[in-house]
Amino acid sequence: QARAQLSRLPPRRIHTPEVGAMDCTAAPQVIEHLREPLSFTPFETRWVPQSARFVILGQNPRATGAIRVCQLSKGKSEKLTEVEKPKGFKCGTFGASAIEDRHLATGDYVGNVQIWDLEDLRKPIWSVKGHDQIVNAIDGCGGLGVGNGAPELVTGSRDGAVRVWDTRMEDPVISLEPVEGETPADCWSVAFGNSYNDSERCICAGRAFSFGYDNGDIKLFDLRTMTLRWDTNVRNGVCHLQFDRKDIRMNKLGVSTLESNMVVYDLRTYHPTEGYAGRKEKVTKSTLWGCHFLPQNREVFASCGGNGSLTLFKYSYPQERVDDHGRRTGHQRQGGNRPR
């Protein structure tokens, strides 16, 4: 069992007037920069890479889709364009796009997987009927200079299927289907990771992806060997999961769940019967909808609560692996960052 430490970053402390000074560097602070009113329900927001623009995806009251592109200008948000599409959008990513193109991939409420050029949103530049029902989650890898191998998308749907797409083709590269005859579990989250080389890029060498379901299942599938590498159950619906970085050997996996629990797995410490070591933390009294790692420092991450709370954490690696009674287990951390 890994006794990693998840420490909440302390609140900012301000000196009293008698001291005559305020400490503005003791702790991080979250400051609202601006607020954007919307006429539709937003489900996804993404920064346009290497720009001051961002995209908002969602659904209008009449169940049509909305794509709004905004730009930060002089401290304010300027709407550049907004279009309405036949079906609502649930998710989006720039992860499989070349940095010079910055094409947006989306999943909608009727199962379509599409790619859009933000300079011309009249029709998608690539579109497939990816699933029979709503596409709950999408992730990309191999684009934007992040991760190795061919650019690909992975999608998860209410129909229980998880599919990997090469956007040069219309058929999925891999389709993981639910067992025939069983009620499919709703796939709520997918993520790429472990994309640290492209020596076997024809079959996505060294890349794995993880996906989570509404019944608490988490599965890790290796695209190089085409095998299920690991699976577990966190006992609550998996709302979101994310690798700390896509372009390195698997290091950490953050998981947020319905019952306010967050789990961080150490993917470099594996036991043959107990699986990957992990640390579980109850964060708030509401659903945790997200667990997002800071790109500049993968040891810092934030949880997003259904009650509006935003909690910052810092991960500290354990110096050794011990069991519940404090005894060393003998399986040590497999390379990567040195413990703190």
C-alpha atoms as a PDB file:
ATOM      1  CA  GLN A   1       0.000   0.000   0.000  1.00  0.00           C
ATOM      2  CA  ALA A   2       1.422   3.364  -0.985  1.00  0.00           C
ATOM      3  CA  ARG A   3       1.155   5.979   1.712  1.00  0.00           C
ATOM      4  CA  ALA A   4       1.349   8.961  -0.536  1.00  0.00           C
ATOM      5  CA  GLN A   5       0.310  12.263   0.921  1.00  0.00           C
ATOM      6  CA  LEU A   6      -2.400  14.477  -0.533  1.00  0.00           C
ATOM      7  CA  SER A   7      -2.088  17.800   1.212  1.00  0.00           C
ATOM      8  CA  ARG A   8      -4.574  20.599   0.763  1.00  0.00           C
ATOM      9  CA  LEU A   9      -2.757  23.812   0.045  1.00  0.00           C
ATOM     10  CA  PRO A  10      -3.251  26.168   3.032  1.00  0.00           C
ATOM     11  CA  PRO A  11      -5.535  29.185   2.866  1.00  0.00           C
ATOM     12  CA  ARG A  12      -3.974  32.607   2.458  1.00  0.00           C
ATOM     13  CA  ARG A  13      -3.118  34.292   5.737  1.00  0.00           C
ATOM     14  CA  ILE A  14      -3.164  38.074   6.095  1.00  0.00           C
ATOM     15  CA  HIS A  15      -1.279  39.890   8.857  1.00  0.00           C
ATOM     16  CA  THR A  16      -3.245  42.061  11.269  1.00  0.00           C
ATOM     17  CA  PRO A  17      -3.083  45.865  10.963  1.00  0.00           C
ATOM     18  CA  GLU A  18      -0.745  45.995  13.995  1.00  0.00           C
ATOM     19  CA  VAL A  19       1.884  44.131  11.990  1.00  0.00           C
ATOM     20  CA  GLY A  20       1.558  46.641   9.191  1.00  0.00           C
ATOM     21  CA  ALA A  21       2.032  44.203   6.268  1.00  0.00           C
ATOM     22  CA  MET A  22       0.146  41.589   4.291  1.00  0.00           C
ATOM     23  CA  ASP A  23       1.672  38.267   3.269  1.00  0.00           C
ATOM     24  CA  CYS A  24       0.677  37.774  -0.367  1.00  0.00           C
ATOM     25  CA  THR A  25       3.071  34.898  -1.130  1.00  0.00           C
ATOM     26  CA  ALA A  26       2.381  32.362   1.625  1.00  0.00           C
ATOM     27  CA  ALA A  27      -0.211  30.389  -0.326  1.00  0.00           C
ATOM     28  CA  PRO A  28      -1.864  30.239  -3.749  1.00  0.00           C
ATOM     29  CA  GLN A  29      -5.061  32.076  -4.406  1.00  0.00           C
ATOM     30  CA  VAL A  30      -7.823  31.653  -6.963  1.00  0.00           C
ATOM     31  CA  ILE A  31      -9.111  34.929  -8.381  1.00  0.00           C
ATOM     32  CA  GLU A  32     -12.068  35.247 -10.723  1.00  0.00           C
ATOM     33  CA  HIS A  33     -10.795  36.983 -13.832  1.00  0.00           C
ATOM     34  CA  LEU A  34     -14.107  37.432 -15.633  1.00  0.00           C
ATOM     35  CA  ARG A  35     -17.614  36.041 -15.873  1.00  0.00           C
ATOM     36  CA  GLU A  36     -19.278  35.171 -19.175  1.00  0.00           C
ATOM     37  CA  PRO A  37     -23.115  35.094 -19.444  1.00  0.00           C
ATOM     38  CA  LEU A  38     -24.470  32.342 -21.699  1.00  0.00           C
ATOM     39  CA  SER A  39     -27.805  31.600 -23.315  1.00  0.00           C
ATOM     40  CA  PHE A  40     -27.135  27.834 -23.343  1.00  0.00           C
ATOM     41  CA  THR A  41     -25.988  25.133 -20.922  1.00  0.00           C
ATOM     42  CA  PRO A  42     -22.194  24.697 -21.165  1.00  0.00           C
ATOM     43  CA  PHE A  43     -20.731  21.188 -20.894  1.00  0.00           C
ATOM     44  CA  GLU A  44     -17.146  21.759 -22.020  1.00  0.00           C
ATOM     45  CA  THR A  45     -14.686  24.633 -22.210  1.00  0.00           C
ATOM     46  CA  ARG A  46     -11.288  24.401 -23.904  1.00  0.00           C
ATOM     47  CA  TRP A  47      -8.476  26.856 -24.449  1.00  0.00           C
ATOM     48  CA  VAL A  48      -7.484  27.160 -28.095  1.00  0.00           C
ATOM     49  CA  PRO A  49      -3.790  26.131 -27.973  1.00  0.00           C
ATOM     50  CA  GLN A  50      -1.214  28.924 -28.035  1.00  0.00           C
ATOM     51  CA  SER A  51      -3.774  31.707 -28.145  1.00  0.00           C
ATOM     52  CA  ALA A  52      -5.924  33.916 -25.930  1.00  0.00           C
ATOM     53  CA  ARG A  53      -9.070  32.274 -27.309  1.00  0.00           C
ATOM     54  CA  PHE A  54     -11.312  29.651 -25.740  1.00  0.00           C
ATOM     55  CA  VAL A  55     -14.221  27.514 -26.933  1.00  0.00           C
ATOM     56  CA  ILE A  56     -17.453  26.774 -25.074  1.00  0.00           C
ATOM     57  CA  LEU A  57     -19.551  23.753 -26.075  1.00  0.00           C
ATOM     58  CA  GLY A  58     -23.073  23.035 -24.894  1.00  0.00           C
ATOM     59  CA  GLN A  59     -26.758  22.629 -25.560  1.00  0.00           C
ATOM     60  CA  ASN A  60     -29.490  25.211 -26.154  1.00  0.00           C
ATOM     61  CA  PRO A  61     -32.887  24.978 -24.380  1.00  0.00           C
ATOM     62  CA  ARG A  62     -34.407  23.484 -27.548  1.00  0.00           C
ATOM     63  CA  ALA A  63     -31.754  20.687 -27.495  1.00  0.00           C
ATOM     64  CA  THR A  64     -29.668  22.094 -30.344  1.00  0.00           C
ATOM     65  CA  GLY A  65     -25.908  22.396 -30.111  1.00  0.00           C
ATOM     66  CA  ALA A  66     -23.912  25.551 -29.440  1.00  0.00           C
ATOM     67  CA  ILE A  67     -20.284  26.392 -30.201  1.00  0.00           C
ATOM     68  CA  ARG A  68     -19.024  29.769 -29.000  1.00  0.00           C
ATOM     69  CA  VAL A  69     -15.507  31.055 -29.621  1.00  0.00           C
ATOM     70  CA  CYS A  70     -14.322  33.886 -27.367  1.00  0.00           C
ATOM     71  CA  GLN A  71     -11.144  35.874 -26.986  1.00  0.00           C
ATOM     72  CA  LEU A  72      -9.592  37.659 -24.044  1.00  0.00           C
ATOM     73  CA  SER A  73      -9.023  41.291 -24.912  1.00  0.00           C
ATOM     74  CA  LYS A  74      -7.991  44.016 -22.454  1.00  0.00           C
ATOM     75  CA  GLY A  75      -9.210  41.984 -19.504  1.00  0.00           C
ATOM     76  CA  LYS A  76     -12.608  41.272 -21.028  1.00  0.00           C
ATOM     77  CA  SER A  77     -14.164  38.440 -22.998  1.00  0.00           C
ATOM     78  CA  GLU A  78     -14.985  39.220 -26.613  1.00  0.00           C
ATOM     79  CA  LYS A  79     -17.299  36.862 -28.511  1.00  0.00           C
ATOM     80  CA  LEU A  80     -15.779  36.111 -31.908  1.00  0.00           C
ATOM     81  CA  THR A  81     -18.402  33.722 -33.233  1.00  0.00           C
ATOM     82  CA  GLU A  82     -21.297  31.537 -32.114  1.00  0.00           C
ATOM     83  CA  VAL A  83     -23.056  28.888 -34.174  1.00  0.00           C
ATOM     84  CA  GLU A  84     -26.028  26.602 -33.615  1.00  0.00           C
ATOM     85  CA  LYS A  85     -25.955  22.957 -34.696  1.00  0.00           C
ATOM     86  CA  PRO A  86     -28.705  20.305 -34.894  1.00  0.00           C
ATOM     87  CA  LYS A  87     -27.636  18.371 -31.761  1.00  0.00           C
ATOM     88  CA  GLY A  88     -26.158  19.386 -28.427  1.00  0.00           C
ATOM     89  CA  PHE A  89     -22.446  18.932 -27.674  1.00  0.00           C
ATOM     90  CA  LYS A  90     -21.229  17.073 -24.599  1.00  0.00           C
ATOM     91  CA  CYS A  91     -17.423  17.043 -24.927  1.00  0.00           C
ATOM     92  CA  GLY A  92     -14.489  18.293 -26.973  1.00  0.00           C
ATOM     93  CA  THR A  93     -10.687  18.215 -27.286  1.00  0.00           C
ATOM     94  CA  PHE A  94      -7.829  19.690 -29.314  1.00  0.00           C
ATOM     95  CA  GLY A  95      -5.531  16.799 -28.328  1.00  0.00           C
ATOM     96  CA  ALA A  96      -5.321  15.099 -31.747  1.00  0.00           C
ATOM     97  CA  SER A  97      -4.875  18.248 -33.835  1.00  0.00           C
ATOM     98  CA  ALA A  98      -1.663  19.606 -35.316  1.00  0.00           C
ATOM     99  CA  ILE A  99      -0.582  22.771 -33.529  1.00  0.00           C
ATOM    100  CA  GLU A 100      -0.789  24.828 -36.737  1.00  0.00           C
ATOM    101  CA  ASP A 101      -4.380  23.676 -37.409  1.00  0.00           C
ATOM    102  CA  ARG A 102      -5.896  23.671 -33.914  1.00  0.00           C
ATOM    103  CA  HIS A 103      -8.935  21.710 -35.036  1.00  0.00           C
ATOM    104  CA  LEU A 104     -11.579  20.924 -32.415  1.00  0.00           C
ATOM    105  CA  ALA A 105     -12.924  17.366 -32.039  1.00  0.00           C
ATOM    106  CA  THR A 106     -16.389  17.015 -30.467  1.00  0.00           C
ATOM    107  CA  GLY A 107     -18.878  14.392 -29.329  1.00  0.00           C
ATOM    108  CA  ASP A 108     -22.622  15.109 -29.369  1.00  0.00           C
ATOM    109  CA  TYR A 109     -25.887  13.824 -27.925  1.00  0.00           C
ATOM    110  CA  VAL A 110     -26.707  11.438 -30.781  1.00  0.00           C
ATOM    111  CA  GLY A 111     -23.309   9.742 -31.016  1.00  0.00           C
ATOM    112  CA  ASN A 112     -21.594  11.838 -33.707  1.00  0.00           C
ATOM    113  CA  VAL A 113     -17.831  12.365 -33.494  1.00  0.00           C
ATOM    114  CA  GLN A 114     -16.761  15.400 -35.527  1.00  0.00           C
ATOM    115  CA  ILE A 115     -13.791  17.672 -36.175  1.00  0.00           C
ATOM    116  CA  TRP A 116     -14.235  21.407 -36.753  1.00  0.00           C
ATOM    117  CA  ASP A 117     -12.117  24.173 -38.224  1.00  0.00           C
ATOM    118  CA  LEU A 118     -12.704  27.174 -35.960  1.00  0.00           C
ATOM    119  CA  GLU A 119     -12.174  29.517 -38.905  1.00  0.00           C
ATOM    120  CA  ASP A 120     -15.166  27.978 -40.716  1.00  0.00           C
ATOM    121  CA  LEU A 121     -17.818  26.358 -38.513  1.00  0.00           C
ATOM    122  CA  ARG A 122     -20.426  25.931 -41.219  1.00  0.00           C
ATOM    123  CA  LYS A 123     -19.774  22.171 -41.445  1.00  0.00           C
ATOM    124  CA  PRO A 124     -17.301  19.709 -39.880  1.00  0.00           C
ATOM    125  CA  ILE A 125     -14.170  18.726 -41.812  1.00  0.00           C
ATOM    126  CA  TRP A 126     -14.533  15.112 -40.549  1.00  0.00           C
ATOM    127  CA  SER A 127     -17.617  13.368 -39.188  1.00  0.00           C
ATOM    128  CA  VAL A 128     -18.613   9.812 -38.280  1.00  0.00           C
ATOM    129  CA  LYS A 129     -21.499   8.181 -36.474  1.00  0.00           C
ATOM    130  CA  GLY A 130     -19.267   7.003 -33.665  1.00  0.00           C
ATOM    131  CA  HIS A 131     -21.816   5.607 -31.186  1.00  0.00           C
ATOM    132  CA  ASP A 132     -25.462   4.662 -30.898  1.00  0.00           C
ATOM    133  CA  GLN A 133     -26.049   7.058 -28.000  1.00  0.00           C
ATOM    134  CA  ILE A 134     -24.571  10.205 -26.457  1.00  0.00           C
ATOM    135  CA  VAL A 135     -20.780  10.586 -26.505  1.00  0.00           C
ATOM    136  CA  ASN A 136     -20.004  11.338 -22.862  1.00  0.00           C
ATOM    137  CA  ALA A 137     -16.249  11.792 -23.139  1.00  0.00           C
ATOM    138  CA  ILE A 138     -13.504  12.357 -25.689  1.00  0.00           C
ATOM    139  CA  ASP A 139      -9.724  12.705 -25.493  1.00  0.00           C
ATOM    140  CA  GLY A 140      -6.958  13.118 -28.032  1.00  0.00           C
ATOM    141  CA  CYS A 141      -3.258  12.341 -28.248  1.00  0.00           C
ATOM    142  CA  GLY A 142      -0.428  12.700 -30.750  1.00  0.00           C
ATOM    143  CA  GLY A 143      -1.276  16.297 -31.642  1.00  0.00           C
ATOM    144  CA  LEU A 144      -0.155  19.703 -30.329  1.00  0.00           C
ATOM    145  CA  GLY A 145       3.361  18.318 -29.898  1.00  0.00           C
ATOM    146  CA  VAL A 146       2.191  16.319 -26.856  1.00  0.00           C
ATOM    147  CA  GLY A 147       2.688  12.561 -26.922  1.00  0.00           C
ATOM    148  CA  ASN A 148       4.183  10.386 -29.625  1.00  0.00           C
ATOM    149  CA  GLY A 149       2.675   8.217 -32.338  1.00  0.00           C
ATOM    150  CA  ALA A 150      -0.131   8.962 -34.763  1.00  0.00           C
ATOM    151  CA  PRO A 151      -2.827  11.502 -33.789  1.00  0.00           C
ATOM    152  CA  GLU A 152      -5.834   9.643 -32.399  1.00  0.00           C
ATOM    153  CA  LEU A 153      -9.092  10.179 -30.563  1.00  0.00           C
ATOM    154  CA  VAL A 154     -10.739   7.986 -27.952  1.00  0.00           C
ATOM    155  CA  THR A 155     -14.452   8.243 -27.149  1.00  0.00           C
ATOM    156  CA  GLY A 156     -16.738   6.754 -24.494  1.00  0.00           C
ATOM    157  CA  SER A 157     -20.515   6.565 -24.716  1.00  0.00           C
ATOM    158  CA  ARG A 158     -23.714   5.694 -22.929  1.00  0.00           C
ATOM    159  CA  ASP A 159     -23.918   2.620 -25.166  1.00  0.00           C
ATOM    160  CA  GLY A 160     -21.015   1.192 -23.128  1.00  0.00           C
ATOM    161  CA  ALA A 161     -18.529   1.193 -26.006  1.00  0.00           C
ATOM    162  CA  VAL A 162     -15.057   2.750 -25.995  1.00  0.00           C
ATOM    163  CA  ARG A 163     -13.565   3.418 -29.432  1.00  0.00           C
ATOM    164  CA  VAL A 164     -10.226   4.686 -30.727  1.00  0.00           C
ATOM    165  CA  TRP A 165     -10.236   6.708 -33.951  1.00  0.00           C
ATOM    166  CA  ASP A 166      -7.625   7.555 -36.571  1.00  0.00           C
ATOM    167  CA  THR A 167      -9.120  10.629 -38.233  1.00  0.00           C
ATOM    168  CA  ARG A 168      -7.761   9.576 -41.615  1.00  0.00           C
ATOM    169  CA  MET A 169     -10.344   6.772 -41.614  1.00  0.00           C
ATOM    170  CA  GLU A 170     -14.051   6.485 -40.891  1.00  0.00           C
ATOM    171  CA  ASP A 171     -13.933   3.167 -39.045  1.00  0.00           C
ATOM    172  CA  PRO A 172     -12.577   2.901 -35.487  1.00  0.00           C
ATOM    173  CA  VAL A 173      -9.094   1.482 -34.994  1.00  0.00           C
ATOM    174  CA  ILE A 174     -10.295  -0.335 -31.872  1.00  0.00           C
ATOM    175  CA  SER A 175     -13.795  -0.867 -30.533  1.00  0.00           C
ATOM    176  CA  LEU A 176     -14.254  -2.226 -27.023  1.00  0.00           C
ATOM    177  CA  GLU A 177     -17.864  -3.360 -26.783  1.00  0.00           C
ATOM    178  CA  PRO A 178     -19.957  -4.428 -23.776  1.00  0.00           C
ATOM    179  CA  VAL A 179     -20.683  -8.131 -23.377  1.00  0.00           C
ATOM    180  CA  GLU A 180     -23.622  -9.152 -25.532  1.00  0.00           C
ATOM    181  CA  GLY A 181     -26.780  -9.783 -23.526  1.00  0.00           C
ATOM    182  CA  GLU A 182     -25.718  -7.701 -20.517  1.00  0.00           C
ATOM    183  CA  THR A 183     -26.941  -4.229 -19.661  1.00  0.00           C
ATOM    184  CA  PRO A 184     -24.074  -1.947 -20.741  1.00  0.00           C
ATOM    185  CA  ALA A 185     -22.463   0.311 -18.168  1.00  0.00           C
ATOM    186  CA  ASP A 186     -22.460   3.988 -19.096  1.00  0.00           C
ATOM    187  CA  CYS A 187     -18.880   5.107 -19.919  1.00  0.00           C
ATOM    188  CA  TRP A 188     -18.397   8.567 -18.409  1.00  0.00           C
ATOM    189  CA  SER A 189     -14.712   9.300 -18.886  1.00  0.00           C
ATOM    190  CA  VAL A 190     -11.761   8.373 -21.112  1.00  0.00           C
ATOM    191  CA  ALA A 191      -8.109   9.476 -21.167  1.00  0.00           C
ATOM    192  CA  PHE A 192      -4.926   8.867 -23.118  1.00  0.00           C
ATOM    193  CA  GLY A 193      -1.565   8.356 -21.426  1.00  0.00           C
ATOM    194  CA  ASN A 194       1.782   6.546 -21.551  1.00  0.00           C
ATOM    195  CA  SER A 195       2.532   8.000 -25.006  1.00  0.00           C
ATOM    196  CA  TYR A 196       6.278   8.369 -24.484  1.00  0.00           C
ATOM    197  CA  ASN A 197       7.675   6.945 -27.769  1.00  0.00           C
ATOM    198  CA  ASP A 198       6.651   6.161 -31.322  1.00  0.00           C
ATOM    199  CA  SER A 199       8.928   3.222 -32.137  1.00  0.00           C
ATOM    200  CA  GLU A 200       5.847   1.169 -33.099  1.00  0.00           C
ATOM    201  CA  ARG A 201       3.609   3.978 -34.143  1.00  0.00           C
ATOM    202  CA  CYS A 202       1.588   1.853 -36.588  1.00  0.00           C
ATOM    203  CA  ILE A 203      -0.083   0.298 -33.566  1.00  0.00           C
ATOM    204  CA  CYS A 204       0.267   3.284 -31.256  1.00  0.00           C
ATOM    205  CA  ALA A 205       3.405   2.115 -29.489  1.00  0.00           C
ATOM    206  CA  GLY A 206       3.743   2.709 -25.797  1.00  0.00           C
ATOM    207  CA  ARG A 207       0.329   4.262 -25.479  1.00  0.00           C
ATOM    208  CA  ALA A 208      -2.427   3.234 -23.117  1.00  0.00           C
ATOM    209  CA  PHE A 209      -5.759   4.736 -22.295  1.00  0.00           C
ATOM    210  CA  SER A 210      -8.010   4.487 -19.309  1.00  0.00           C
ATOM    211  CA  PHE A 211     -11.774   4.652 -19.082  1.00  0.00           C
ATOM    212  CA  GLY A 212     -14.283   4.814 -16.243  1.00  0.00           C
ATOM    213  CA  TYR A 213     -17.921   3.774 -15.939  1.00  0.00           C
ATOM    214  CA  ASP A 214     -20.990   4.761 -13.951  1.00  0.00           C
ATOM    215  CA  ASN A 215     -20.730   1.522 -11.916  1.00  0.00           C
ATOM    216  CA  GLY A 216     -17.263   2.462 -10.611  1.00  0.00           C
ATOM    217  CA  ASP A 217     -15.214   0.305 -12.994  1.00  0.00           C
ATOM    218  CA  ILE A 218     -11.852   1.613 -14.218  1.00  0.00           C
ATOM    219  CA  LYS A 219     -10.022  -0.214 -17.002  1.00  0.00           C
ATOM    220  CA  LEU A 220      -6.537   0.373 -18.387  1.00  0.00           C
ATOM    221  CA  PHE A 221      -5.999  -0.928 -21.937  1.00  0.00           C
ATOM    222  CA  ASP A 222      -2.588  -1.147 -23.610  1.00  0.00           C
ATOM    223  CA  LEU A 223      -2.817  -0.286 -27.312  1.00  0.00           C
ATOM    224  CA  ARG A 224       0.609  -1.721 -28.101  1.00  0.00           C
ATOM    225  CA  THR A 225      -0.156  -5.231 -26.842  1.00  0.00           C
ATOM    226  CA  MET A 226      -3.938  -4.953 -27.349  1.00  0.00           C
ATOM    227  CA  THR A 227      -4.549  -6.285 -23.856  1.00  0.00           C
ATOM    228  CA  LEU A 228      -6.375  -5.204 -20.737  1.00  0.00           C
ATOM    229  CA  ARG A 229      -3.535  -4.158 -18.466  1.00  0.00           C
ATOM    230  CA  TRP A 230      -5.448  -3.512 -15.248  1.00  0.00           C
ATOM    231  CA  ASP A 231      -8.955  -2.984 -13.942  1.00  0.00           C
ATOM    232  CA  THR A 232     -10.486  -2.100 -10.604  1.00  0.00           C
ATOM    233  CA  ASN A 233     -13.668  -0.737  -9.035  1.00  0.00           C
ATOM    234  CA  VAL A 234     -13.842   2.389  -6.861  1.00  0.00           C
ATOM    235  CA  ARG A 235     -17.420   1.614  -5.690  1.00  0.00           C
ATOM    236  CA  ASN A 236     -18.827   4.896  -7.019  1.00  0.00           C
ATOM    237  CA  GLY A 237     -19.518   6.214 -10.497  1.00  0.00           C
ATOM    238  CA  VAL A 238     -16.369   7.544 -12.188  1.00  0.00           C
ATOM    239  CA  CYS A 239     -17.088  11.124 -13.254  1.00  0.00           C
ATOM    240  CA  HIS A 240     -13.634  12.011 -14.543  1.00  0.00           C
ATOM    241  CA  LEU A 241     -10.120  10.639 -14.797  1.00  0.00           C
ATOM    242  CA  GLN A 242      -6.848  12.066 -16.052  1.00  0.00           C
ATOM    243  CA  PHE A 243      -3.189  11.087 -16.316  1.00  0.00           C
ATOM    244  CA  ASP A 244      -0.852  13.682 -14.851  1.00  0.00           C
ATOM    245  CA  ARG A 245       0.891  13.817 -18.248  1.00  0.00           C
ATOM    246  CA  LYS A 246       0.303  12.020 -21.546  1.00  0.00           C
ATOM    247  CA  ASP A 247       3.823  12.108 -22.959  1.00  0.00           C
ATOM    248  CA  ILE A 248       5.735  10.242 -20.216  1.00  0.00           C
ATOM    249  CA  ARG A 249       5.673   6.731 -18.831  1.00  0.00           C
ATOM    250  CA  MET A 250       2.528   6.323 -16.777  1.00  0.00           C
ATOM    251  CA  ASN A 251       3.026   8.085 -13.463  1.00  0.00           C
ATOM    252  CA  LYS A 252      -0.239   9.101 -11.755  1.00  0.00           C
ATOM    253  CA  LEU A 253      -3.924   8.709 -12.537  1.00  0.00           C
ATOM    254  CA  GLY A 254      -6.444  11.011 -10.887  1.00  0.00           C
ATOM    255  CA  VAL A 255     -10.027   9.748 -10.480  1.00  0.00           C
ATOM    256  CA  SER A 256     -13.055  11.708  -9.244  1.00  0.00           C
ATOM    257  CA  THR A 257     -16.333  10.014  -8.278  1.00  0.00           C
ATOM    258  CA  LEU A 258     -19.992  10.619  -7.518  1.00  0.00           C
ATOM    259  CA  GLU A 259     -19.740  10.258  -3.738  1.00  0.00           C
ATOM    260  CA  SER A 260     -17.228  13.103  -3.280  1.00  0.00           C
ATOM    261  CA  ASN A 261     -14.214  10.766  -3.286  1.00  0.00           C
ATOM    262  CA  MET A 262     -10.988  11.332  -5.158  1.00  0.00           C
ATOM    263  CA  VAL A 263      -8.449   8.572  -5.805  1.00  0.00           C
ATOM    264  CA  VAL A 264      -4.907   9.120  -7.059  1.00  0.00           C
ATOM    265  CA  TYR A 265      -3.142   5.977  -8.296  1.00  0.00           C
ATOM    266  CA  ASP A 266       0.638   5.635  -8.425  1.00  0.00           C
ATOM    267  CA  LEU A 267       1.073   3.884 -11.781  1.00  0.00           C
ATOM    268  CA  ARG A 268       4.731   3.089 -11.130  1.00  0.00           C
ATOM    269  CA  THR A 269       4.011   0.942  -8.070  1.00  0.00           C
ATOM    270  CA  TYR A 270       2.244  -2.293  -8.980  1.00  0.00           C
ATOM    271  CA  HIS A 271       1.480  -5.357  -6.882  1.00  0.00           C
ATOM    272  CA  PRO A 272       0.569  -8.589  -8.741  1.00  0.00           C
ATOM    273  CA  THR A 273      -2.538  -9.230  -6.626  1.00  0.00           C
ATOM    274  CA  GLU A 274      -3.454  -5.816  -5.187  1.00  0.00           C
ATOM    275  CA  GLY A 275      -2.881  -3.797  -8.377  1.00  0.00           C
ATOM    276  CA  TYR A 276      -1.637  -0.232  -8.457  1.00  0.00           C
ATOM    277  CA  ALA A 277      -1.039   1.612  -5.211  1.00  0.00           C
ATOM    278  CA  GLY A 278      -3.355   4.530  -4.548  1.00  0.00           C
ATOM    279  CA  ARG A 279      -4.587   7.103  -2.080  1.00  0.00           C
ATOM    280  CA  LYS A 280      -8.276   7.846  -1.507  1.00  0.00           C
ATOM    281  CA  GLU A 281      -9.544  11.145  -0.098  1.00  0.00           C
ATOM    282  CA  LYS A 282     -13.043  12.432   0.679  1.00  0.00           C
ATOM    283  CA  VAL A 283     -12.936  15.995  -0.573  1.00  0.00           C
ATOM    284  CA  THR A 284     -16.372  17.533  -0.193  1.00  0.00           C
ATOM    285  CA  LYS A 285     -20.009  16.629   0.466  1.00  0.00           C
ATOM    286  CA  SER A 286     -20.998  16.727  -3.190  1.00  0.00           C
ATOM    287  CA  THR A 287     -20.162  15.003  -6.465  1.00  0.00           C
ATOM    288  CA  LEU A 288     -16.609  15.504  -7.732  1.00  0.00           C
ATOM    289  CA  TRP A 289     -16.920  16.275 -11.419  1.00  0.00           C
ATOM    290  CA  GLY A 290     -13.250  16.689 -12.222  1.00  0.00           C
ATOM    291  CA  CYS A 291      -9.648  16.110 -11.187  1.00  0.00           C
ATOM    292  CA  HIS A 292      -7.252  18.253 -13.239  1.00  0.00           C
ATOM    293  CA  PHE A 293      -3.459  18.355 -13.061  1.00  0.00           C
ATOM    294  CA  LEU A 294      -1.566  21.620 -13.459  1.00  0.00           C
ATOM    295  CA  PRO A 295       0.385  21.393 -16.759  1.00  0.00           C
ATOM    296  CA  GLN A 296       3.357  23.318 -15.331  1.00  0.00           C
ATOM    297  CA  ASN A 297       3.600  21.128 -12.218  1.00  0.00           C
ATOM    298  CA  ARG A 298       2.023  17.675 -12.301  1.00  0.00           C
ATOM    299  CA  GLU A 299       2.219  17.314  -8.506  1.00  0.00           C
ATOM    300  CA  VAL A 300      -0.411  20.062  -8.118  1.00  0.00           C
ATOM    301  CA  PHE A 301      -4.007  19.326  -9.098  1.00  0.00           C
ATOM    302  CA  ALA A 302      -7.503  20.619  -8.454  1.00  0.00           C
ATOM    303  CA  SER A 303     -10.817  18.929  -7.755  1.00  0.00           C
ATOM    304  CA  CYS A 304     -14.089  20.445  -8.971  1.00  0.00           C
ATOM    305  CA  GLY A 305     -17.063  19.877  -6.661  1.00  0.00           C
ATOM    306  CA  GLY A 306     -20.740  19.903  -7.523  1.00  0.00           C
ATOM    307  CA  ASN A 307     -21.307  22.478  -4.779  1.00  0.00           C
ATOM    308  CA  GLY A 308     -19.092  24.962  -6.624  1.00  0.00           C
ATOM    309  CA  SER A 309     -15.957  24.245  -4.597  1.00  0.00           C
ATOM    310  CA  LEU A 310     -12.486  24.258  -6.137  1.00  0.00           C
ATOM    311  CA  THR A 311      -9.873  22.497  -3.997  1.00  0.00           C
ATOM    312  CA  LEU A 312      -6.133  22.531  -4.686  1.00  0.00           C
ATOM    313  CA  PHE A 313      -3.953  19.571  -3.706  1.00  0.00           C
ATOM    314  CA  LYS A 314      -0.252  18.785  -3.787  1.00  0.00           C
ATOM    315  CA  TYR A 315       0.911  15.184  -4.167  1.00  0.00           C
ATOM    316  CA  SER A 316       3.970  14.081  -2.182  1.00  0.00           C
ATOM    317  CA  TYR A 317       5.578  10.743  -3.019  1.00  0.00           C
ATOM    318  CA  PRO A 318       6.105   8.296  -0.122  1.00  0.00           C
ATOM    319  CA  GLN A 319       9.691   7.440   0.795  1.00  0.00           C
ATOM    320  CA  GLU A 320       8.886   3.728   0.949  1.00  0.00           C
ATOM    321  CA  ARG A 321       5.986   1.299   0.497  1.00  0.00           C
ATOM    322  CA  VAL A 322       4.398  -0.147   3.652  1.00  0.00           C
ATOM    323  CA  ASP A 323       1.351  -2.173   4.607  1.00  0.00           C
ATOM    324  CA  ASP A 324      -1.459  -1.127   6.971  1.00  0.00           C
ATOM    325  CA  HIS A 325       0.690  -2.005   9.982  1.00  0.00           C
ATOM    326  CA  GLY A 326       3.679   0.032   8.888  1.00  0.00           C
ATOM    327  CA  ARG A 327       5.704  -2.936   7.622  1.00  0.00           C
ATOM    328  CA  ARG A 328       7.654  -2.697   4.389  1.00  0.00           C
ATOM    329  CA  THR A 329       6.027  -4.654   1.594  1.00  0.00           C
ATOM    330  CA  GLY A 330       9.077  -5.057  -0.616  1.00  0.00           C
ATOM    331  CA  HIS A 331       7.595  -3.603  -3.830  1.00  0.00           C
ATOM    332  CA  GLN A 332       9.217  -0.231  -4.428  1.00  0.00           C
ATOM    333  CA  ARG A 333       8.512   2.592  -6.831  1.00  0.00           C
ATOM    334  CA  GLN A 334       9.500   1.773 -10.400  1.00  0.00           C
ATOM    335  CA  GLY A 335      11.644   4.705 -11.562  1.00  0.00           C
ATOM    336  CA  GLY A 336      10.340   8.178 -12.378  1.00  0.00           C
ATOM    337  CA  ASN A 337      10.443  11.109  -9.991  1.00  0.00           C
ATOM    338  CA  ARG A 338      12.306  10.611  -6.756  1.00  0.00           C
ATOM    339  CA  PRO A 339      10.165  10.638  -3.583  1.00  0.00           C
ATOM    340  CA  ARG A 340      10.027  13.858  -1.636  1.00  0.00           C
END
